[in-house]
């Protein structure tokens, strides 16, 4: 199999997304697949079906000077910064790979092998994510563009989550604090796992070597063809929607990783409930009517278990039914 590896350095946010779109639009049925390696300046990338007005705090984004772009690829809200190396696989659908999970299955072994070359043992999960032991270390999103299938992801070398946390739409300061904790706890980076993180240049040079060791015929490229450059220039991104009311991808909150969600709801009587779910149980709970210490009783419990029912009965008393309904309304367990 032949593969063009195109390494373009650091691109402005809009040009980053226009580049993979243009490469896909320009790709012919008989062209070899492409691997695009590129870094970008900090920005927020909304999934193709997401609404900026629902997911983000417009004022915070503006005050912090964080660009917001609507990408063509699927998935949820993504934070991109200079501590990541972004990769995009662009395959002509004429090769017979027509769906995101199929492209993930084809390319995931290459991502796993690249991590292994630097001493990180990871595994592919759920047709779109990469995990290291019990923590997520990367995710992907895909879409059909032109006559090609595109899948993008990033190598998270070292990530500063603070701007992301500050820009996400949040009902309270407590929600933001928990989001920061959840991201730090649930998403691993190379800097947390390695005594010394390799340079981006080392990774750029090593990736083609990993591919070649798997019998891939690699052509290294540092510039685009004229037709590709024209397609990049012509590519247009959708404008983020800030005005129209819309629903969040995760009702009342945000997905942290597969099986983990942070949500918070508030009611007219002034009461509120914040829930962090993980792996089918309550990781953390806070509520307006109970102390932090009281809420620890919910940690590790499952929603419909007898232990959960007893805990609610003891804490809520006559309001047990009301708070049971509020737990059911607030907690999210899966996409």
C-alpha atoms as a PDB file:
ATOM      1  CA  UNK A   1       0.000   0.000   0.000  1.00  0.00           C
ATOM      2  CA  UNK A   2       1.207   3.503  -0.832  1.00  0.00           C
ATOM      3  CA  UNK A   3       0.702   6.464   1.511  1.00  0.00           C
ATOM      4  CA  UNK A   4       1.625  10.133   1.151  1.00  0.00           C
ATOM      5  CA  UNK A   5       2.755  11.639   4.453  1.00  0.00           C
ATOM      6  CA  UNK A   6       2.352  15.416   4.296  1.00  0.00           C
ATOM      7  CA  UNK A   7       3.964  17.375   7.139  1.00  0.00           C
ATOM      8  CA  UNK A   8       3.119  21.084   7.134  1.00  0.00           C
ATOM      9  CA  UNK A   9       4.405  22.476  10.406  1.00  0.00           C
ATOM     10  CA  UNK A  10       2.185  24.881  12.390  1.00  0.00           C
ATOM     11  CA  UNK A  11      -0.938  26.318  10.732  1.00  0.00           C
ATOM     12  CA  UNK A  12      -3.474  28.938  11.861  1.00  0.00           C
ATOM     13  CA  UNK A  13      -6.735  27.329  13.075  1.00  0.00           C
ATOM     14  CA  UNK A  14      -8.832  28.062   9.989  1.00  0.00           C
ATOM     15  CA  UNK A  15      -6.103  26.909   7.616  1.00  0.00           C
ATOM     16  CA  UNK A  16      -5.696  23.684   9.591  1.00  0.00           C
ATOM     17  CA  UNK A  17      -9.286  22.672   8.902  1.00  0.00           C
ATOM     18  CA  UNK A  18      -9.324  23.994   5.341  1.00  0.00           C
ATOM     19  CA  UNK A  19      -6.218  21.929   4.571  1.00  0.00           C
ATOM     20  CA  UNK A  20      -7.681  18.491   5.238  1.00  0.00           C
ATOM     21  CA  UNK A  21     -10.912  19.554   3.563  1.00  0.00           C
ATOM     22  CA  UNK A  22      -9.038  20.727   0.462  1.00  0.00           C
ATOM     23  CA  UNK A  23      -6.890  17.599   0.314  1.00  0.00           C
ATOM     24  CA  UNK A  24     -10.026  15.473   0.423  1.00  0.00           C
ATOM     25  CA  UNK A  25     -11.790  17.519  -2.253  1.00  0.00           C
ATOM     26  CA  UNK A  26      -8.762  17.313  -4.549  1.00  0.00           C
ATOM     27  CA  UNK A  27      -8.134  13.608  -4.020  1.00  0.00           C
ATOM     28  CA  UNK A  28      -8.946  11.382  -7.004  1.00  0.00           C
ATOM     29  CA  UNK A  29     -10.193   7.814  -6.858  1.00  0.00           C
ATOM     30  CA  UNK A  30      -6.828   6.418  -7.938  1.00  0.00           C
ATOM     31  CA  UNK A  31      -4.716   8.671  -5.704  1.00  0.00           C
ATOM     32  CA  UNK A  32      -2.865   7.103  -2.763  1.00  0.00           C
ATOM     33  CA  UNK A  33      -4.234   7.796   0.718  1.00  0.00           C
ATOM     34  CA  UNK A  34      -2.797  10.724   2.648  1.00  0.00           C
ATOM     35  CA  UNK A  35      -1.606  11.174   6.220  1.00  0.00           C
ATOM     36  CA  UNK A  36      -1.491  14.863   7.122  1.00  0.00           C
ATOM     37  CA  UNK A  37       0.609  15.835  10.165  1.00  0.00           C
ATOM     38  CA  UNK A  38       0.171  19.386  11.425  1.00  0.00           C
ATOM     39  CA  UNK A  39       0.123  21.516  14.555  1.00  0.00           C
ATOM     40  CA  UNK A  40      -2.073  24.530  15.173  1.00  0.00           C
ATOM     41  CA  UNK A  41      -2.477  27.541  17.389  1.00  0.00           C
ATOM     42  CA  UNK A  42      -4.960  27.234  20.294  1.00  0.00           C
ATOM     43  CA  UNK A  43      -8.621  27.094  19.287  1.00  0.00           C
ATOM     44  CA  UNK A  44     -11.923  25.337  19.968  1.00  0.00           C
ATOM     45  CA  UNK A  45     -13.217  22.936  17.341  1.00  0.00           C
ATOM     46  CA  UNK A  46     -16.935  22.150  17.323  1.00  0.00           C
ATOM     47  CA  UNK A  47     -18.175  18.881  15.864  1.00  0.00           C
ATOM     48  CA  UNK A  48     -20.127  19.135  12.609  1.00  0.00           C
ATOM     49  CA  UNK A  49     -23.500  18.760  14.360  1.00  0.00           C
ATOM     50  CA  UNK A  50     -22.797  20.936  17.414  1.00  0.00           C
ATOM     51  CA  UNK A  51     -23.986  24.449  18.193  1.00  0.00           C
ATOM     52  CA  UNK A  52     -21.647  27.089  19.600  1.00  0.00           C
ATOM     53  CA  UNK A  53     -24.512  28.768  21.465  1.00  0.00           C
ATOM     54  CA  UNK A  54     -25.263  25.555  23.341  1.00  0.00           C
ATOM     55  CA  UNK A  55     -21.747  24.324  24.070  1.00  0.00           C
ATOM     56  CA  UNK A  56     -19.710  27.470  24.704  1.00  0.00           C
ATOM     57  CA  UNK A  57     -19.617  30.700  26.690  1.00  0.00           C
ATOM     58  CA  UNK A  58     -19.410  33.311  23.926  1.00  0.00           C
ATOM     59  CA  UNK A  59     -18.186  36.098  26.202  1.00  0.00           C
ATOM     60  CA  UNK A  60     -15.438  33.939  27.703  1.00  0.00           C
ATOM     61  CA  UNK A  61     -14.211  32.871  24.259  1.00  0.00           C
ATOM     62  CA  UNK A  62     -14.101  36.517  23.141  1.00  0.00           C
ATOM     63  CA  UNK A  63     -12.415  37.759  26.307  1.00  0.00           C
ATOM     64  CA  UNK A  64      -9.743  35.077  26.115  1.00  0.00           C
ATOM     65  CA  UNK A  65      -9.285  35.552  22.380  1.00  0.00           C
ATOM     66  CA  UNK A  66      -9.926  31.878  21.668  1.00  0.00           C
ATOM     67  CA  UNK A  67     -11.048  31.243  18.054  1.00  0.00           C
ATOM     68  CA  UNK A  68     -14.046  28.941  17.607  1.00  0.00           C
ATOM     69  CA  UNK A  69     -14.346  26.913  14.409  1.00  0.00           C
ATOM     70  CA  UNK A  70     -16.989  24.521  13.111  1.00  0.00           C
ATOM     71  CA  UNK A  71     -15.162  21.557  11.645  1.00  0.00           C
ATOM     72  CA  UNK A  72     -16.459  19.208   8.985  1.00  0.00           C
ATOM     73  CA  UNK A  73     -15.647  16.118  11.051  1.00  0.00           C
ATOM     74  CA  UNK A  74     -17.953  14.460  13.574  1.00  0.00           C
ATOM     75  CA  UNK A  75     -17.553  14.067  17.311  1.00  0.00           C
ATOM     76  CA  UNK A  76     -17.782  16.492  20.183  1.00  0.00           C
ATOM     77  CA  UNK A  77     -16.141  19.729  21.242  1.00  0.00           C
ATOM     78  CA  UNK A  78     -12.342  19.527  20.945  1.00  0.00           C
ATOM     79  CA  UNK A  79      -9.614  21.711  22.389  1.00  0.00           C
ATOM     80  CA  UNK A  80      -6.627  22.109  20.067  1.00  0.00           C
ATOM     81  CA  UNK A  81      -3.385  23.714  21.227  1.00  0.00           C
ATOM     82  CA  UNK A  82       0.323  23.733  20.461  1.00  0.00           C
ATOM     83  CA  UNK A  83       0.959  20.794  22.792  1.00  0.00           C
ATOM     84  CA  UNK A  84      -0.703  18.432  20.330  1.00  0.00           C
ATOM     85  CA  UNK A  85       0.313  16.955  16.988  1.00  0.00           C
ATOM     86  CA  UNK A  86      -2.787  16.589  14.830  1.00  0.00           C
ATOM     87  CA  UNK A  87      -3.131  13.826  12.267  1.00  0.00           C
ATOM     88  CA  UNK A  88      -5.647  13.327   9.474  1.00  0.00           C
ATOM     89  CA  UNK A  89      -6.027  10.190   7.390  1.00  0.00           C
ATOM     90  CA  UNK A  90      -7.599  10.908   3.985  1.00  0.00           C
ATOM     91  CA  UNK A  91      -8.610   7.814   2.020  1.00  0.00           C
ATOM     92  CA  UNK A  92     -10.342   7.684  -1.382  1.00  0.00           C
ATOM     93  CA  UNK A  93     -13.578   5.777  -0.864  1.00  0.00           C
ATOM     94  CA  UNK A  94     -12.763   3.929  -4.087  1.00  0.00           C
ATOM     95  CA  UNK A  95     -10.456   1.819  -1.904  1.00  0.00           C
ATOM     96  CA  UNK A  96     -13.592   0.299  -0.350  1.00  0.00           C
ATOM     97  CA  UNK A  97     -13.331   1.992   3.071  1.00  0.00           C
ATOM     98  CA  UNK A  98     -16.517   4.048   3.349  1.00  0.00           C
ATOM     99  CA  UNK A  99     -17.326   4.424   7.063  1.00  0.00           C
ATOM    100  CA  UNK A 100     -15.504   5.994   9.982  1.00  0.00           C
ATOM    101  CA  UNK A 101     -15.198   2.771  12.023  1.00  0.00           C
ATOM    102  CA  UNK A 102     -13.717   1.007   8.982  1.00  0.00           C
ATOM    103  CA  UNK A 103     -11.058   3.666   8.547  1.00  0.00           C
ATOM    104  CA  UNK A 104     -10.352   3.604  12.276  1.00  0.00           C
ATOM    105  CA  UNK A 105      -9.893  -0.176  12.165  1.00  0.00           C
ATOM    106  CA  UNK A 106      -7.497   0.191   9.236  1.00  0.00           C
ATOM    107  CA  UNK A 107      -5.347   2.941  10.742  1.00  0.00           C
ATOM    108  CA  UNK A 108      -5.571   2.339  14.509  1.00  0.00           C
ATOM    109  CA  UNK A 109      -2.728  -0.239  14.499  1.00  0.00           C
ATOM    110  CA  UNK A 110      -0.448   2.468  13.081  1.00  0.00           C
ATOM    111  CA  UNK A 111      -1.317   4.852  15.925  1.00  0.00           C
ATOM    112  CA  UNK A 112      -0.807   2.073  18.467  1.00  0.00           C
ATOM    113  CA  UNK A 113       2.569   1.197  16.921  1.00  0.00           C
ATOM    114  CA  UNK A 114       3.679   4.837  16.947  1.00  0.00           C
ATOM    115  CA  UNK A 115       2.931   5.142  20.667  1.00  0.00           C
ATOM    116  CA  UNK A 116       4.745   1.866  21.319  1.00  0.00           C
ATOM    117  CA  UNK A 117       7.836   3.190  19.546  1.00  0.00           C
ATOM    118  CA  UNK A 118       8.019   5.847  22.272  1.00  0.00           C
ATOM    119  CA  UNK A 119       7.277   3.444  25.135  1.00  0.00           C
ATOM    120  CA  UNK A 120       3.522   3.940  25.487  1.00  0.00           C
ATOM    121  CA  UNK A 121       1.286   0.874  25.431  1.00  0.00           C
ATOM    122  CA  UNK A 122      -2.159   1.871  24.213  1.00  0.00           C
ATOM    123  CA  UNK A 123      -5.172   0.103  22.739  1.00  0.00           C
ATOM    124  CA  UNK A 124      -7.958   1.037  20.336  1.00  0.00           C
ATOM    125  CA  UNK A 125     -11.488   1.076  21.786  1.00  0.00           C
ATOM    126  CA  UNK A 126     -15.062   1.616  20.651  1.00  0.00           C
ATOM    127  CA  UNK A 127     -14.174   2.243  17.019  1.00  0.00           C
ATOM    128  CA  UNK A 128     -12.897   5.781  17.628  1.00  0.00           C
ATOM    129  CA  UNK A 129     -10.813   6.134  20.828  1.00  0.00           C
ATOM    130  CA  UNK A 130      -7.387   5.207  22.191  1.00  0.00           C
ATOM    131  CA  UNK A 131      -6.817   4.295  25.823  1.00  0.00           C
ATOM    132  CA  UNK A 132      -3.726   3.759  27.953  1.00  0.00           C
ATOM    133  CA  UNK A 133      -4.601   1.418  30.815  1.00  0.00           C
ATOM    134  CA  UNK A 134      -7.766   2.900  32.359  1.00  0.00           C
ATOM    135  CA  UNK A 135      -7.537   6.375  30.836  1.00  0.00           C
ATOM    136  CA  UNK A 136      -8.295   7.862  27.455  1.00  0.00           C
ATOM    137  CA  UNK A 137      -5.273   9.217  25.600  1.00  0.00           C
ATOM    138  CA  UNK A 138      -6.836  10.148  22.273  1.00  0.00           C
ATOM    139  CA  UNK A 139      -9.995  10.235  20.192  1.00  0.00           C
ATOM    140  CA  UNK A 140     -10.984  10.585  16.557  1.00  0.00           C
ATOM    141  CA  UNK A 141     -13.764  12.004  14.396  1.00  0.00           C
ATOM    142  CA  UNK A 142     -14.576  11.239  10.777  1.00  0.00           C
ATOM    143  CA  UNK A 143     -16.625  12.488   7.844  1.00  0.00           C
ATOM    144  CA  UNK A 144     -17.041  12.051   4.114  1.00  0.00           C
ATOM    145  CA  UNK A 145     -15.614  15.006   2.180  1.00  0.00           C
ATOM    146  CA  UNK A 146     -15.839  14.936  -1.593  1.00  0.00           C
ATOM    147  CA  UNK A 147     -15.127  11.373  -2.697  1.00  0.00           C
ATOM    148  CA  UNK A 148     -12.884  10.705   0.285  1.00  0.00           C
ATOM    149  CA  UNK A 149     -13.231   9.613   3.894  1.00  0.00           C
ATOM    150  CA  UNK A 150     -11.363  11.743   6.435  1.00  0.00           C
ATOM    151  CA  UNK A 151     -10.528  10.785  10.021  1.00  0.00           C
ATOM    152  CA  UNK A 152      -8.759  13.183  12.362  1.00  0.00           C
ATOM    153  CA  UNK A 153      -7.224  12.891  15.793  1.00  0.00           C
ATOM    154  CA  UNK A 154      -4.314  14.212  17.835  1.00  0.00           C
ATOM    155  CA  UNK A 155      -1.329  13.021  19.803  1.00  0.00           C
ATOM    156  CA  UNK A 156      -1.770  14.760  23.158  1.00  0.00           C
ATOM    157  CA  UNK A 157       1.808  15.458  24.179  1.00  0.00           C
ATOM    158  CA  UNK A 158       1.065  18.078  26.859  1.00  0.00           C
ATOM    159  CA  UNK A 159      -2.212  19.930  27.096  1.00  0.00           C
ATOM    160  CA  UNK A 160      -3.259  23.040  29.016  1.00  0.00           C
ATOM    161  CA  UNK A 161      -6.955  22.490  29.758  1.00  0.00           C
ATOM    162  CA  UNK A 162      -7.525  25.821  31.527  1.00  0.00           C
ATOM    163  CA  UNK A 163      -8.667  27.840  28.454  1.00  0.00           C
ATOM    164  CA  UNK A 164     -11.005  25.010  27.444  1.00  0.00           C
ATOM    165  CA  UNK A 165     -12.560  24.841  30.910  1.00  0.00           C
ATOM    166  CA  UNK A 166     -13.045  28.610  30.962  1.00  0.00           C
ATOM    167  CA  UNK A 167     -14.782  28.631  27.560  1.00  0.00           C
ATOM    168  CA  UNK A 168     -17.231  25.758  28.014  1.00  0.00           C
ATOM    169  CA  UNK A 169     -20.800  26.799  28.806  1.00  0.00           C
ATOM    170  CA  UNK A 170     -21.146  26.217  32.542  1.00  0.00           C
ATOM    171  CA  UNK A 171     -24.082  26.751  34.926  1.00  0.00           C
ATOM    172  CA  UNK A 172     -21.793  27.420  37.889  1.00  0.00           C
ATOM    173  CA  UNK A 173     -18.231  27.899  39.081  1.00  0.00           C
ATOM    174  CA  UNK A 174     -18.522  24.498  40.740  1.00  0.00           C
ATOM    175  CA  UNK A 175     -19.231  22.890  37.373  1.00  0.00           C
ATOM    176  CA  UNK A 176     -16.057  24.440  35.927  1.00  0.00           C
ATOM    177  CA  UNK A 177     -14.003  23.259  38.911  1.00  0.00           C
ATOM    178  CA  UNK A 178     -15.274  19.708  38.486  1.00  0.00           C
ATOM    179  CA  UNK A 179     -14.665  19.844  34.735  1.00  0.00           C
ATOM    180  CA  UNK A 180     -11.037  20.791  35.326  1.00  0.00           C
ATOM    181  CA  UNK A 181     -10.710  17.927  37.807  1.00  0.00           C
ATOM    182  CA  UNK A 182     -12.400  15.438  35.487  1.00  0.00           C
ATOM    183  CA  UNK A 183     -10.225  16.335  32.508  1.00  0.00           C
ATOM    184  CA  UNK A 184      -7.048  16.117  34.548  1.00  0.00           C
ATOM    185  CA  UNK A 185      -8.140  12.795  36.025  1.00  0.00           C
ATOM    186  CA  UNK A 186      -9.622  11.153  32.936  1.00  0.00           C
ATOM    187  CA  UNK A 187      -7.533  12.231  29.932  1.00  0.00           C
ATOM    188  CA  UNK A 188      -3.877  11.340  29.918  1.00  0.00           C
ATOM    189  CA  UNK A 189      -1.109  13.053  27.993  1.00  0.00           C
ATOM    190  CA  UNK A 190       2.356  11.901  27.017  1.00  0.00           C
ATOM    191  CA  UNK A 191       3.872  14.314  29.559  1.00  0.00           C
ATOM    192  CA  UNK A 192       2.107  12.483  32.403  1.00  0.00           C
ATOM    193  CA  UNK A 193       3.361   9.095  31.268  1.00  0.00           C
ATOM    194  CA  UNK A 194       6.896   9.672  30.029  1.00  0.00           C
ATOM    195  CA  UNK A 195       9.922  11.075  31.892  1.00  0.00           C
ATOM    196  CA  UNK A 196      10.716  13.117  28.779  1.00  0.00           C
ATOM    197  CA  UNK A 197       8.317  13.895  25.943  1.00  0.00           C
ATOM    198  CA  UNK A 198       9.854  13.477  22.481  1.00  0.00           C
ATOM    199  CA  UNK A 199       9.970  16.518  20.264  1.00  0.00           C
ATOM    200  CA  UNK A 200       7.316  17.015  17.636  1.00  0.00           C
ATOM    201  CA  UNK A 201      10.062  16.758  15.027  1.00  0.00           C
ATOM    202  CA  UNK A 202      11.084  13.337  16.375  1.00  0.00           C
ATOM    203  CA  UNK A 203       7.486  12.140  16.123  1.00  0.00           C
ATOM    204  CA  UNK A 204       7.083  13.542  12.610  1.00  0.00           C
ATOM    205  CA  UNK A 205      10.212  11.656  11.520  1.00  0.00           C
ATOM    206  CA  UNK A 206       9.322   8.454  13.352  1.00  0.00           C
ATOM    207  CA  UNK A 207       5.753   8.081  12.069  1.00  0.00           C
ATOM    208  CA  UNK A 208       6.804   7.306   8.460  1.00  0.00           C
ATOM    209  CA  UNK A 209       9.359   4.819   9.783  1.00  0.00           C
ATOM    210  CA  UNK A 210       6.626   3.035  11.752  1.00  0.00           C
ATOM    211  CA  UNK A 211       4.469   2.870   8.634  1.00  0.00           C
ATOM    212  CA  UNK A 212       7.326   1.545   6.504  1.00  0.00           C
ATOM    213  CA  UNK A 213       8.009  -1.196   9.042  1.00  0.00           C
ATOM    214  CA  UNK A 214       4.456  -2.341   8.332  1.00  0.00           C
ATOM    215  CA  UNK A 215       5.101  -2.661   4.595  1.00  0.00           C
ATOM    216  CA  UNK A 216       3.595   0.719   3.720  1.00  0.00           C
ATOM    217  CA  UNK A 217       5.323   2.514   0.854  1.00  0.00           C
ATOM    218  CA  UNK A 218       5.663   6.043   2.192  1.00  0.00           C
ATOM    219  CA  UNK A 219       6.207   9.183   0.166  1.00  0.00           C
ATOM    220  CA  UNK A 220       7.238  12.108   2.360  1.00  0.00           C
ATOM    221  CA  UNK A 221       5.893  15.498   1.282  1.00  0.00           C
ATOM    222  CA  UNK A 222       6.357  19.001   2.720  1.00  0.00           C
ATOM    223  CA  UNK A 223       4.308  20.991   0.195  1.00  0.00           C
ATOM    224  CA  UNK A 224       0.957  20.573  -1.528  1.00  0.00           C
ATOM    225  CA  UNK A 225       0.380  20.062  -5.228  1.00  0.00           C
ATOM    226  CA  UNK A 226      -1.010  23.109  -7.082  1.00  0.00           C
ATOM    227  CA  UNK A 227      -4.447  21.498  -7.424  1.00  0.00           C
ATOM    228  CA  UNK A 228      -4.469  20.678  -3.700  1.00  0.00           C
ATOM    229  CA  UNK A 229      -3.472  24.200  -2.775  1.00  0.00           C
ATOM    230  CA  UNK A 230      -6.281  25.573  -4.931  1.00  0.00           C
ATOM    231  CA  UNK A 231      -8.765  23.252  -3.213  1.00  0.00           C
ATOM    232  CA  UNK A 232      -7.524  24.360   0.211  1.00  0.00           C
ATOM    233  CA  UNK A 233      -7.982  28.006  -0.746  1.00  0.00           C
ATOM    234  CA  UNK A 234     -11.494  27.280  -2.018  1.00  0.00           C
ATOM    235  CA  UNK A 235     -12.570  25.255   1.047  1.00  0.00           C
ATOM    236  CA  UNK A 236     -15.185  26.955   3.226  1.00  0.00           C
ATOM    237  CA  UNK A 237     -15.937  26.294   6.867  1.00  0.00           C
ATOM    238  CA  UNK A 238     -19.412  26.633   8.313  1.00  0.00           C
ATOM    239  CA  UNK A 239     -19.771  29.630  10.608  1.00  0.00           C
ATOM    240  CA  UNK A 240     -20.384  28.707  14.273  1.00  0.00           C
ATOM    241  CA  UNK A 241     -23.985  29.401  15.288  1.00  0.00           C
ATOM    242  CA  UNK A 242     -24.141  31.755  18.263  1.00  0.00           C
ATOM    243  CA  UNK A 243     -27.662  33.153  17.949  1.00  0.00           C
ATOM    244  CA  UNK A 244     -30.076  30.275  17.398  1.00  0.00           C
ATOM    245  CA  UNK A 245     -31.176  28.369  20.533  1.00  0.00           C
ATOM    246  CA  UNK A 246     -29.971  24.777  20.437  1.00  0.00           C
ATOM    247  CA  UNK A 247     -29.547  21.732  22.641  1.00  0.00           C
ATOM    248  CA  UNK A 248     -26.211  20.528  23.957  1.00  0.00           C
ATOM    249  CA  UNK A 249     -24.790  17.300  22.607  1.00  0.00           C
ATOM    250  CA  UNK A 250     -24.921  16.053  26.203  1.00  0.00           C
ATOM    251  CA  UNK A 251     -28.054  17.402  27.928  1.00  0.00           C
ATOM    252  CA  UNK A 252     -27.092  19.766  30.770  1.00  0.00           C
ATOM    253  CA  UNK A 253     -23.400  19.003  30.509  1.00  0.00           C
ATOM    254  CA  UNK A 254     -20.446  17.522  28.687  1.00  0.00           C
ATOM    255  CA  UNK A 255     -18.907  14.163  27.838  1.00  0.00           C
ATOM    256  CA  UNK A 256     -15.515  13.607  29.478  1.00  0.00           C
ATOM    257  CA  UNK A 257     -14.711  10.296  27.786  1.00  0.00           C
ATOM    258  CA  UNK A 258     -16.556   7.095  26.893  1.00  0.00           C
ATOM    259  CA  UNK A 259     -18.806   6.244  29.834  1.00  0.00           C
ATOM    260  CA  UNK A 260     -18.050   9.444  31.776  1.00  0.00           C
ATOM    261  CA  UNK A 261     -20.209  12.594  31.846  1.00  0.00           C
ATOM    262  CA  UNK A 262     -20.456  15.784  33.895  1.00  0.00           C
ATOM    263  CA  UNK A 263     -23.900  17.392  34.198  1.00  0.00           C
ATOM    264  CA  UNK A 264     -25.687  19.973  36.327  1.00  0.00           C
ATOM    265  CA  UNK A 265     -29.308  21.076  36.501  1.00  0.00           C
ATOM    266  CA  UNK A 266     -30.940  23.916  38.396  1.00  0.00           C
ATOM    267  CA  UNK A 267     -34.615  24.345  39.323  1.00  0.00           C
ATOM    268  CA  UNK A 268     -36.862  27.397  39.882  1.00  0.00           C
ATOM    269  CA  UNK A 269     -36.915  26.837  43.635  1.00  0.00           C
ATOM    270  CA  UNK A 270     -33.155  27.510  43.739  1.00  0.00           C
ATOM    271  CA  UNK A 271     -32.086  23.910  44.218  1.00  0.00           C
ATOM    272  CA  UNK A 272     -29.450  22.304  42.005  1.00  0.00           C
ATOM    273  CA  UNK A 273     -27.768  18.976  41.411  1.00  0.00           C
ATOM    274  CA  UNK A 274     -24.342  18.260  39.897  1.00  0.00           C
ATOM    275  CA  UNK A 275     -23.352  14.718  38.876  1.00  0.00           C
ATOM    276  CA  UNK A 276     -20.179  13.143  37.532  1.00  0.00           C
ATOM    277  CA  UNK A 277     -20.925   9.646  36.218  1.00  0.00           C
ATOM    278  CA  UNK A 278     -18.302   7.093  35.232  1.00  0.00           C
ATOM    279  CA  UNK A 279     -18.446   3.435  34.215  1.00  0.00           C
ATOM    280  CA  UNK A 280     -22.079   3.016  35.223  1.00  0.00           C
ATOM    281  CA  UNK A 281     -21.770   4.540  38.684  1.00  0.00           C
ATOM    282  CA  UNK A 282     -21.732   7.903  40.422  1.00  0.00           C
ATOM    283  CA  UNK A 283     -18.169   9.207  40.589  1.00  0.00           C
ATOM    284  CA  UNK A 284     -19.107  12.406  42.412  1.00  0.00           C
ATOM    285  CA  UNK A 285     -22.315  14.181  43.449  1.00  0.00           C
ATOM    286  CA  UNK A 286     -23.104  17.625  44.850  1.00  0.00           C
ATOM    287  CA  UNK A 287     -26.497  19.127  45.666  1.00  0.00           C
ATOM    288  CA  UNK A 288     -27.877  22.318  47.144  1.00  0.00           C
ATOM    289  CA  UNK A 289     -29.643  20.484  49.962  1.00  0.00           C
ATOM    290  CA  UNK A 290     -26.791  18.304  51.256  1.00  0.00           C
ATOM    291  CA  UNK A 291     -23.239  18.905  52.441  1.00  0.00           C
ATOM    292  CA  UNK A 292     -20.178  17.659  50.583  1.00  0.00           C
ATOM    293  CA  UNK A 293     -19.681  15.010  53.244  1.00  0.00           C
ATOM    294  CA  UNK A 294     -23.282  13.800  52.958  1.00  0.00           C
ATOM    295  CA  UNK A 295     -22.997  13.523  49.180  1.00  0.00           C
ATOM    296  CA  UNK A 296     -20.055  11.140  49.460  1.00  0.00           C
ATOM    297  CA  UNK A 297     -22.561   8.379  50.222  1.00  0.00           C
ATOM    298  CA  UNK A 298     -23.446   8.298  46.505  1.00  0.00           C
ATOM    299  CA  UNK A 299     -19.885   7.636  45.312  1.00  0.00           C
ATOM    300  CA  UNK A 300     -19.681   4.298  43.527  1.00  0.00           C
ATOM    301  CA  UNK A 301     -23.416   3.604  43.650  1.00  0.00           C
ATOM    302  CA  UNK A 302     -25.454   2.678  40.578  1.00  0.00           C
ATOM    303  CA  UNK A 303     -28.573   4.565  39.646  1.00  0.00           C
ATOM    304  CA  UNK A 304     -31.204   1.888  40.207  1.00  0.00           C
ATOM    305  CA  UNK A 305     -29.511  -0.115  42.929  1.00  0.00           C
ATOM    306  CA  UNK A 306     -31.019  -0.804  46.339  1.00  0.00           C
ATOM    307  CA  UNK A 307     -28.078   1.023  47.913  1.00  0.00           C
ATOM    308  CA  UNK A 308     -28.934   4.149  45.914  1.00  0.00           C
ATOM    309  CA  UNK A 309     -32.579   3.958  46.964  1.00  0.00           C
ATOM    310  CA  UNK A 310     -31.624   3.627  50.631  1.00  0.00           C
ATOM    311  CA  UNK A 311     -29.166   6.526  50.414  1.00  0.00           C
ATOM    312  CA  UNK A 312     -31.817   8.794  48.928  1.00  0.00           C
ATOM    313  CA  UNK A 313     -34.393   7.739  51.484  1.00  0.00           C
ATOM    314  CA  UNK A 314     -32.030   8.521  54.346  1.00  0.00           C
ATOM    315  CA  UNK A 315     -30.931  11.896  52.979  1.00  0.00           C
ATOM    316  CA  UNK A 316     -34.093  13.179  51.292  1.00  0.00           C
ATOM    317  CA  UNK A 317     -36.766  11.746  53.569  1.00  0.00           C
ATOM    318  CA  UNK A 318     -40.193  12.809  52.352  1.00  0.00           C
ATOM    319  CA  UNK A 319     -38.611  14.451  49.292  1.00  0.00           C
ATOM    320  CA  UNK A 320     -37.069  11.134  48.199  1.00  0.00           C
ATOM    321  CA  UNK A 321     -39.312  10.756  45.143  1.00  0.00           C
ATOM    322  CA  UNK A 322     -38.581  14.301  44.017  1.00  0.00           C
ATOM    323  CA  UNK A 323     -34.819  13.908  44.275  1.00  0.00           C
ATOM    324  CA  UNK A 324     -34.904  10.468  42.734  1.00  0.00           C
ATOM    325  CA  UNK A 325     -36.565  12.052  39.690  1.00  0.00           C
ATOM    326  CA  UNK A 326     -33.984  14.822  39.673  1.00  0.00           C
ATOM    327  CA  UNK A 327     -31.134  12.305  39.718  1.00  0.00           C
ATOM    328  CA  UNK A 328     -32.750  10.502  36.794  1.00  0.00           C
ATOM    329  CA  UNK A 329     -33.196  13.779  34.922  1.00  0.00           C
ATOM    330  CA  UNK A 330     -29.646  14.986  35.505  1.00  0.00           C
ATOM    331  CA  UNK A 331     -27.390  11.944  35.225  1.00  0.00           C
ATOM    332  CA  UNK A 332     -26.140  10.884  31.782  1.00  0.00           C
ATOM    333  CA  UNK A 333     -24.729   7.403  31.258  1.00  0.00           C
ATOM    334  CA  UNK A 334     -24.157   7.072  27.522  1.00  0.00           C
ATOM    335  CA  UNK A 335     -24.261   9.016  24.252  1.00  0.00           C
END
